Amino acid sequence: MADRVQQLLKTEREGRLTKDEQVAIGVLRAAGEFPPATTPATATRGLRRPGLDIPGELDPAAARWVGAETLRLAPGLAANPLIAGPLSAGGEALAQQIEGSPVDPVAIGAAGAMPPLAAGIVRGARALGRTATRMSPTLFRRAHEGAQETLGTMAEGMRPALSPAVLFGQAGDLGGEAIMVTSTREMLKNLEAGLPGKPVNEGLKKVRQHMSNIGELVGDSPAIRLDELMKVRRDLGRSVAERGAAPEMKAIYKGIMQDLEVAAAAGGAGATVTREALTAFKRDLGIARFREFAELATSRRAIAGADTPILNVSKLSDLVSKNSGELTKLLGPESREMIGAFINRFRSLPPEHAANATNILLTGIIGGAGLAGSMGAGMGPLGIGLSTAGAAVAQELSRNAFAVGRNPKELNRLVNMVTSAARWSVSETSQK
């Protein structure tokens, strides 16, 4: 009987009693023959004590507690500390009103100050790390060697699984496949109508030579062998890759590629492998182009007793930006985004002049001399030396705090959530 009573009490707490059970329990309880109902307030303690059952309905006190703690914790999701600060202060103020506690301006002010303060501390730590990297030859060398290693790993990761040589070899085994040259023939026809028979311009002369070679190969046939088409494509591709190549050559090349695309879409094995080989070849060209930009942005210098490649990230960024269209065309948008992510990651890499200790020393001497002069002639040599070093480090820290830029959004969001959770924990402890 006792087990049945406990089961009915549990069912009652969970709100799953039938109408007949409710009537029967009401009658027995009025006669004093059934235990009183468990109060919602007793069950709602489970919200703040892990392991206890949470009831189906919250009493007003529990609802107020949930609302207040949500207001305290939710602002931590904001990535911008200048937004998270006011939200935290407002959330704390509303939480105090919901709880019915006296207004605590100190707690409200602390809630609003913690997100920007925490972000400033994180940015200061990043600036301190950059300062150490700039002023320590060993750290400077390691930072640049790490950037070069990351660059090389990224470039190799862009390469296709099979090299162009392997794919072209496979395509050569299928060279007898017939390729319809409709687009190529149409492109030659259009160019023939717009070019003089004997052009004087060197670029157009070369266009005419390619048109003649391809025209002889195509003739009146609707299709030609894949291996023959690839021969003229290879010759044409070298001309297209030259700087200042005439756009007419690119038009012919485009016609050949369109015919290969159509053949591949129709299920031609040779055309499919050839298309893959050409795509891989383009990626290799794009990787070589990016490595060329990296070499142009890299200088070499002896740092900490070792020959060190020093990457000028700003120069690399300019080169990539000016040639963004070409890189995207050769490598694809995903690889172009990888390059952009690399530049953003290493944007704070110290430049070559940062390794010049004389430059830092002169900055410190000037700052120290000004500080000593402002404090009077009674300053001894030790005081001047300390002020000189302090001014050098302070100026370098200030410059690096600006140079490292804003904290990443993910980092700010993590810091804001941690500070909100810490403030919530302190609030809970004080309430207890």
Foldseek 3Di string as FASTA:
>chain_A
DVVVLVVLLVCVQQVNDDPVSVVVQVVCVVVVNHDDHDDLVVQCVCVVPPPGDHTPDHDLQSVLVVQLLCQLQVLLQFLDLQSSLVSNLVSNQVSCVSNVHDDDVVLSNCRNPQLVVLQLVVLLVVLVVLLCCLAALVSLQVLQVVLVVVLVVLLVVLADPDALVVLVVVLVVQQQDKFFLPLLVVLLVVVVVVDDPCDPDPLVNVVNVLSVVVCVQCPPPRIHTNVVLVVSLVVLVVQVPDPPHDVSSVSSNVSSLVRLVVCVVVPNPSSVSNNVSVLSVLSVVLSVVLVVLQVVQWDWDQTPNDIGIFGDLVSSVVVCVVCVVSSCVSRNPVSSVVVVVSSLVCVSSDGPCSNVVVVLQVQLLVQLVVVCVVVDPPDDPVSSVVSSVVRSSVVSSVVSSVRNPGDDSVVSSVSSSVVSVVSVVVVVVVVD
